[in-house]
């Protein structure tokens, strides 16, 4: 895996976790 693919994967994982947290804990994002 190249560095670019690792960075893209990391960004996708972070966005997925952020969206999951925003859905589970909506009161934190008001």
N, C-alpha and C. Protein backbone atom coordinates (compact mmCIF):
# COMPACT_ATOMS: atom_id res chain seq x y z
N UNK A 1 0.85 -1.20 0.00
CA UNK A 1 0.00 0.00 0.00
C UNK A 1 0.89 1.25 0.00
N UNK A 2 0.51 2.21 -0.82
CA UNK A 2 1.28 3.45 -0.88
C UNK A 2 0.81 4.40 0.21
N UNK A 3 1.60 5.45 0.42
CA UNK A 3 1.25 6.42 1.47
C UNK A 3 -0.09 7.09 1.13
N UNK A 4 -0.31 7.38 -0.15
CA UNK A 4 -1.56 8.03 -0.53
C UNK A 4 -2.77 7.18 -0.19
N UNK A 5 -2.68 5.88 -0.47
CA UNK A 5 -3.82 5.01 -0.17
C UNK A 5 -4.04 4.89 1.33
N UNK A 6 -2.95 4.92 2.09
CA UNK A 6 -3.09 4.86 3.55
C UNK A 6 -3.77 6.13 4.06
N UNK A 7 -3.39 7.28 3.52
CA UNK A 7 -4.01 8.54 3.95
C UNK A 7 -5.48 8.57 3.58
N UNK A 8 -5.82 8.13 2.37
CA UNK A 8 -7.22 8.11 1.94
C UNK A 8 -8.02 7.19 2.84
N UNK A 9 -7.48 6.02 3.15
CA UNK A 9 -8.18 5.08 4.03
C UNK A 9 -8.38 5.69 5.41
N UNK A 10 -7.37 6.37 5.94
CA UNK A 10 -7.48 6.99 7.26
C UNK A 10 -8.56 8.07 7.26
N UNK A 11 -8.61 8.88 6.20
CA UNK A 11 -9.63 9.93 6.12
C UNK A 11 -11.02 9.32 6.07
N UNK A 12 -11.20 8.27 5.28
CA UNK A 12 -12.51 7.62 5.18
C UNK A 12 -12.93 7.04 6.52
N UNK A 13 -11.99 6.41 7.23
CA UNK A 13 -12.32 5.83 8.53
C UNK A 13 -12.70 6.93 9.52
N UNK A 14 -11.95 8.02 9.54
CA UNK A 14 -12.26 9.12 10.46
C UNK A 14 -13.63 9.71 10.15
N UNK A 15 -13.93 9.91 8.88
CA UNK A 15 -15.24 10.45 8.52
C UNK A 15 -16.36 9.49 8.90
N UNK A 16 -16.15 8.21 8.70
CA UNK A 16 -17.17 7.22 9.05
C UNK A 16 -17.41 7.22 10.55
N UNK A 17 -16.34 7.28 11.35
CA UNK A 17 -16.50 7.31 12.80
C UNK A 17 -17.22 8.59 13.23
N UNK A 18 -16.84 9.73 12.62
CA UNK A 18 -17.48 11.00 12.97
C UNK A 18 -18.97 10.97 12.65
N UNK A 19 -19.33 10.44 11.49
CA UNK A 19 -20.75 10.37 11.13
C UNK A 19 -21.49 9.42 12.06
N UNK A 20 -20.86 8.30 12.43
CA UNK A 20 -21.50 7.35 13.34
C UNK A 20 -21.74 8.00 14.70
N UNK A 21 -20.74 8.72 15.21
CA UNK A 21 -20.89 9.40 16.50
C UNK A 21 -21.96 10.48 16.40
N UNK A 22 -22.00 11.21 15.29
CA UNK A 22 -23.00 12.27 15.12
C UNK A 22 -24.41 11.68 15.09
N UNK A 23 -24.55 10.46 14.56
CA UNK A 23 -25.87 9.83 14.54
C UNK A 23 -26.24 9.27 15.92
N UNK A 24 -25.26 8.73 16.63
CA UNK A 24 -25.54 8.10 17.92
C UNK A 24 -25.71 9.16 19.01
N UNK A 25 -24.92 10.24 18.92
CA UNK A 25 -24.96 11.27 19.97
C UNK A 25 -25.31 12.63 19.36
N UNK A 26 -26.54 12.78 18.86
CA UNK A 26 -26.88 14.05 18.18
C UNK A 26 -26.85 15.25 19.11
N UNK A 27 -27.05 15.03 20.42
CA UNK A 27 -27.07 16.17 21.34
C UNK A 27 -25.71 16.85 21.43
N UNK A 28 -24.65 16.14 21.07
CA UNK A 28 -23.31 16.73 21.12
C UNK A 28 -23.07 17.71 19.97
N UNK A 29 -23.91 17.67 18.93
CA UNK A 29 -23.66 18.45 17.72
C UNK A 29 -24.74 19.50 17.48
N UNK A 30 -25.41 19.89 18.52
CA UNK A 30 -26.45 20.91 18.36
C UNK A 30 -25.83 22.31 18.36
